[in-house]
């Protein structure tokens, strides 16, 4: 018996969609019937991914910190697909250093991508969803935003801020049929974690009751759930994806 698709005919923007978690989300969403819009600074990578996806994916070069770029992204999405049903604020970077050594440039850059970018994208997408009287926004936070990581004052603060943005968005747009939720991944195998030394990697593994790192698709499946009607009565929620770490 055929399985019913979770996002049939839906249009989903994934920021930072060309690699890592975004790539896994793009495949999951496309496989569930969504038309995926890959928003990324690296247009070549976004176009290469689009060529691998089923359906009619769209690649759009986007600087998520630029309101004009984001407005163009949203306008292009609506013009080409007729709707905007899901936004995943996934774009992110790291610039690690202890507080003592962290520069204001490192602080500002991480805040800009994670928080300014998510706010700009949410503001633009939510207006379309408000007019449609429906939509789902999923913010990709991190367990770093729950506990704080040594050497990541900028990143942990930004990821904690995304939780606040999620809850405010949920409260302000619920009456328009727009839901906003967040996920907090833990140690996931991506290019961002591949740079960790074996000592740091093993130390982090020792904190995880399940005894292993997560895979990008394990995050993508939870994001898919929140984006779909399976989570129709969920808004303002924060789901941890960390193998039991920091319970």
Protein backbone atom coordinates (compact mmCIF):
# COMPACT_ATOMS: atom_id res chain seq x y z
CA UNK A 1 0.00 0.00 0.00
CA UNK A 2 1.55 3.38 -1.01
CA UNK A 3 2.64 5.69 1.79
CA UNK A 4 0.99 9.11 1.87
CA UNK A 5 3.42 11.97 1.26
CA UNK A 6 3.93 14.44 4.12
CA UNK A 7 4.50 17.61 2.08
CA UNK A 8 2.57 17.12 -1.17
CA UNK A 9 2.55 20.27 -3.28
CA UNK A 10 4.17 22.35 -0.55
CA UNK A 11 6.94 24.87 -1.16
CA UNK A 12 9.79 24.94 1.35
CA UNK A 13 12.72 27.33 1.64
CA UNK A 14 15.79 25.92 3.39
CA UNK A 15 18.45 28.50 4.20
CA UNK A 16 22.00 27.23 4.19
CA UNK A 17 20.46 24.43 2.19
CA UNK A 18 23.41 23.35 0.06
CA UNK A 19 25.35 21.34 2.61
CA UNK A 20 25.35 19.50 5.91
CA UNK A 21 21.99 19.49 7.66
CA UNK A 22 20.41 21.57 4.89
CA UNK A 23 21.30 19.01 2.26
CA UNK A 24 19.74 16.21 4.30
CA UNK A 25 16.60 18.30 4.79
CA UNK A 26 16.39 19.04 1.07
CA UNK A 27 16.40 15.34 0.20
CA UNK A 28 13.85 14.51 2.90
CA UNK A 29 11.50 17.32 1.89
CA UNK A 30 11.76 16.62 -1.83
CA UNK A 31 11.12 12.94 -1.20
CA UNK A 32 7.92 13.86 0.62
CA UNK A 33 6.52 15.86 -2.29
CA UNK A 34 7.78 19.36 -1.51
CA UNK A 35 9.20 21.77 -4.02
CA UNK A 36 12.46 22.72 -2.35
CA UNK A 37 14.06 26.14 -2.61
CA UNK A 38 17.74 25.91 -1.72
CA UNK A 39 18.92 29.28 -0.42
CA UNK A 40 22.68 29.45 -0.03
CA UNK A 41 25.61 31.82 -0.49
CA UNK A 42 27.27 29.14 -2.62
CA UNK A 43 25.12 29.13 -5.75
CA UNK A 44 27.19 26.46 -7.49
CA UNK A 45 26.69 24.07 -4.56
CA UNK A 46 22.98 24.89 -4.43
CA UNK A 47 22.58 24.24 -8.15
CA UNK A 48 24.51 20.98 -7.90
CA UNK A 49 22.21 19.81 -5.12
CA UNK A 50 19.13 20.90 -7.05
CA UNK A 51 20.25 18.69 -9.93
CA UNK A 52 20.16 15.68 -7.59
CA UNK A 53 16.70 16.27 -6.15
CA UNK A 54 13.41 14.99 -7.50
CA UNK A 55 10.63 17.36 -8.48
CA UNK A 56 11.38 20.92 -9.52
CA UNK A 57 13.84 22.33 -6.97
CA UNK A 58 15.05 25.91 -7.17
CA UNK A 59 18.50 27.21 -6.25
CA UNK A 60 18.79 30.85 -5.20
CA UNK A 61 22.00 32.57 -4.15
CA UNK A 62 21.10 34.29 -0.89
CA UNK A 63 22.93 36.33 1.69
CA UNK A 64 20.61 35.69 4.58
CA UNK A 65 21.84 38.82 6.39
CA UNK A 66 20.78 41.09 3.51
CA UNK A 67 17.08 42.12 3.62
CA UNK A 68 17.05 42.82 -0.13
CA UNK A 69 18.47 39.38 -0.90
CA UNK A 70 15.90 37.72 1.34
CA UNK A 71 13.05 39.75 -0.18
CA UNK A 72 14.20 38.58 -3.61
CA UNK A 73 14.36 34.99 -2.37
CA UNK A 74 10.80 35.09 -1.07
CA UNK A 75 9.47 36.93 -4.14
CA UNK A 76 11.17 34.45 -6.49
CA UNK A 77 9.76 31.54 -4.51
CA UNK A 78 6.18 32.83 -4.64
CA UNK A 79 6.42 33.87 -8.29
CA UNK A 80 7.72 30.47 -9.39
CA UNK A 81 5.67 28.19 -7.14
CA UNK A 82 2.62 30.21 -6.13
CA UNK A 83 3.12 29.77 -2.38
CA UNK A 84 5.51 29.56 0.54
CA UNK A 85 4.50 26.93 3.03
CA UNK A 86 7.64 26.10 4.99
CA UNK A 87 10.70 28.07 6.04
CA UNK A 88 13.66 26.35 7.69
CA UNK A 89 16.12 28.81 9.22
CA UNK A 90 19.14 26.57 9.00
CA UNK A 91 21.98 28.85 7.82
CA UNK A 92 24.80 29.07 10.32
CA UNK A 93 28.53 29.47 10.86
CA UNK A 94 31.04 29.18 13.69
CA UNK A 95 33.89 31.45 14.70
CA UNK A 96 35.08 29.82 17.92
CA UNK A 97 37.26 31.48 20.55
CA UNK A 98 37.23 31.99 24.29
CA UNK A 99 35.58 35.19 25.51
CA UNK A 100 39.01 36.56 26.33
CA UNK A 101 40.23 36.05 22.76
CA UNK A 102 37.00 36.52 20.79
CA UNK A 103 36.94 39.64 18.65
CA UNK A 104 33.87 41.80 18.12
CA UNK A 105 34.06 40.86 14.45
CA UNK A 106 33.76 37.16 15.35
CA UNK A 107 30.90 37.93 17.72
CA UNK A 108 29.00 40.13 15.26
CA UNK A 109 29.40 37.79 12.29
CA UNK A 110 27.94 34.78 14.10
CA UNK A 111 25.07 36.82 15.55
CA UNK A 112 24.39 38.31 12.13
CA UNK A 113 24.08 34.98 10.30
CA UNK A 114 22.16 33.12 12.99
CA UNK A 115 19.94 35.77 14.54
CA UNK A 116 19.73 38.68 12.10
CA UNK A 117 19.38 36.22 9.22
CA UNK A 118 16.65 34.19 10.91
CA UNK A 119 14.76 37.35 11.87
CA UNK A 120 14.93 38.78 8.34
CA UNK A 121 13.82 35.50 6.77
CA UNK A 122 11.06 34.96 9.34
CA UNK A 123 9.72 38.48 8.87
CA UNK A 124 9.57 38.10 5.08
CA UNK A 125 8.21 34.56 4.98
CA UNK A 126 5.68 35.03 7.77
CA UNK A 127 3.96 37.84 5.86
CA UNK A 128 3.34 35.51 2.93
CA UNK A 129 2.14 32.78 5.28
CA UNK A 130 -0.09 35.28 7.07
CA UNK A 131 -1.82 36.13 3.80
CA UNK A 132 -2.16 32.43 3.00
CA UNK A 133 -3.50 31.78 6.52
CA UNK A 134 -1.06 28.95 7.01
CA UNK A 135 2.57 27.89 7.11
CA UNK A 136 5.33 26.39 9.22
CA UNK A 137 8.64 27.85 10.34
CA UNK A 138 11.36 25.66 11.84
CA UNK A 139 14.43 27.22 13.44
CA UNK A 140 17.60 25.16 13.76
CA UNK A 141 19.03 25.96 17.18
CA UNK A 142 21.52 23.74 19.04
CA UNK A 143 22.11 22.10 22.38
CA UNK A 144 24.89 24.70 22.60
CA UNK A 145 22.11 27.22 23.10
CA UNK A 146 20.80 25.21 26.04
CA UNK A 147 23.98 24.71 28.04
CA UNK A 148 26.66 26.96 26.54
CA UNK A 149 29.88 25.56 25.09
CA UNK A 150 33.36 26.61 26.12
CA UNK A 151 34.82 28.75 23.34
CA UNK A 152 31.45 29.41 21.73
CA UNK A 153 30.05 32.49 23.42
CA UNK A 154 28.90 33.87 20.06
CA UNK A 155 27.41 30.59 18.78
CA UNK A 156 25.75 29.52 22.05
CA UNK A 157 24.24 32.96 22.53
CA UNK A 158 22.91 33.05 18.98
CA UNK A 159 21.42 29.57 19.25
CA UNK A 160 19.75 30.50 22.55
CA UNK A 161 18.39 33.61 20.89
CA UNK A 162 16.74 31.50 18.21
CA UNK A 163 14.60 29.88 20.89
CA UNK A 164 13.31 33.29 21.94
CA UNK A 165 12.60 34.21 18.32
CA UNK A 166 10.76 30.90 17.86
CA UNK A 167 8.45 31.48 20.81
CA UNK A 168 7.65 35.09 19.89
CA UNK A 169 6.94 34.10 16.29
CA UNK A 170 4.69 31.29 17.52
CA UNK A 171 2.67 33.66 19.70
CA UNK A 172 2.35 36.46 17.16
CA UNK A 173 1.38 34.34 14.16
CA UNK A 174 -0.67 31.50 15.66
CA UNK A 175 -3.93 33.29 14.92
CA UNK A 176 -3.00 33.32 11.23
CA UNK A 177 -2.45 29.57 11.08
CA UNK A 178 1.33 29.89 11.11
CA UNK A 179 3.32 27.58 13.38
CA UNK A 180 6.90 28.14 14.59
CA UNK A 181 9.00 25.49 16.28
CA UNK A 182 12.68 24.78 16.84
CA UNK A 183 15.08 21.86 16.98
CA UNK A 184 18.25 21.62 19.05
CA UNK A 185 20.67 19.14 17.48
CA UNK A 186 23.57 17.85 19.53
CA UNK A 187 26.68 16.18 18.16
CA UNK A 188 25.90 15.50 14.50
CA UNK A 189 28.32 14.24 11.84
CA UNK A 190 28.75 17.25 9.55
CA UNK A 191 31.61 19.25 8.06
CA UNK A 192 31.31 21.55 11.08
CA UNK A 193 32.10 18.73 13.53
CA UNK A 194 34.68 16.95 11.37
CA UNK A 195 37.24 19.58 12.43
CA UNK A 196 37.06 18.47 16.08
CA UNK A 197 40.15 16.75 17.44
CA UNK A 198 39.78 13.06 18.42
CA UNK A 199 40.13 14.07 22.08
CA UNK A 200 37.28 16.58 21.93
CA UNK A 201 35.15 14.21 19.82
CA UNK A 202 35.57 11.37 22.32
CA UNK A 203 34.89 13.69 25.24
CA UNK A 204 31.60 14.74 23.65
CA UNK A 205 30.68 11.13 22.88
CA UNK A 206 31.19 10.24 26.55
CA UNK A 207 28.36 12.67 27.43
CA UNK A 208 25.83 10.96 25.14
CA UNK A 209 23.79 8.11 26.70
CA UNK A 210 23.18 6.58 23.26
CA UNK A 211 26.94 6.39 22.79
CA UNK A 212 27.15 7.77 19.25
CA UNK A 213 26.90 10.91 17.19
CA UNK A 214 23.78 11.64 15.18
CA UNK A 215 23.49 11.69 11.40
CA UNK A 216 22.19 14.67 9.38
CA UNK A 217 19.16 12.69 8.24
CA UNK A 218 18.14 12.11 11.85
CA UNK A 219 17.83 15.86 12.22
CA UNK A 220 16.11 16.19 8.85
CA UNK A 221 13.39 13.73 9.86
CA UNK A 222 12.48 15.74 12.96
CA UNK A 223 12.45 18.99 10.97
CA UNK A 224 10.20 17.26 8.42
CA UNK A 225 7.82 16.26 11.22
CA UNK A 226 7.56 19.84 12.48
CA UNK A 227 7.08 21.17 8.96
CA UNK A 228 4.29 18.71 8.20
CA UNK A 229 0.70 18.38 9.34
CA UNK A 230 1.80 15.62 11.71
CA UNK A 231 2.72 18.52 14.02
CA UNK A 232 -0.46 20.49 13.32
CA UNK A 233 -1.09 21.24 17.02
CA UNK A 234 2.50 22.12 17.88
CA UNK A 235 3.87 25.64 18.00
CA UNK A 236 6.53 27.24 20.17
CA UNK A 237 8.01 23.82 20.88
CA UNK A 238 11.72 22.98 21.11
CA UNK A 239 12.77 19.43 20.29
CA UNK A 240 16.20 18.15 21.31
CA UNK A 241 18.01 15.77 18.94
CA UNK A 242 21.00 14.77 20.97
CA UNK A 243 20.90 11.10 21.90
CA UNK A 244 19.96 11.99 25.48
CA UNK A 245 22.83 14.42 26.02
CA UNK A 246 22.18 17.16 28.61
CA UNK A 247 18.95 15.63 29.91
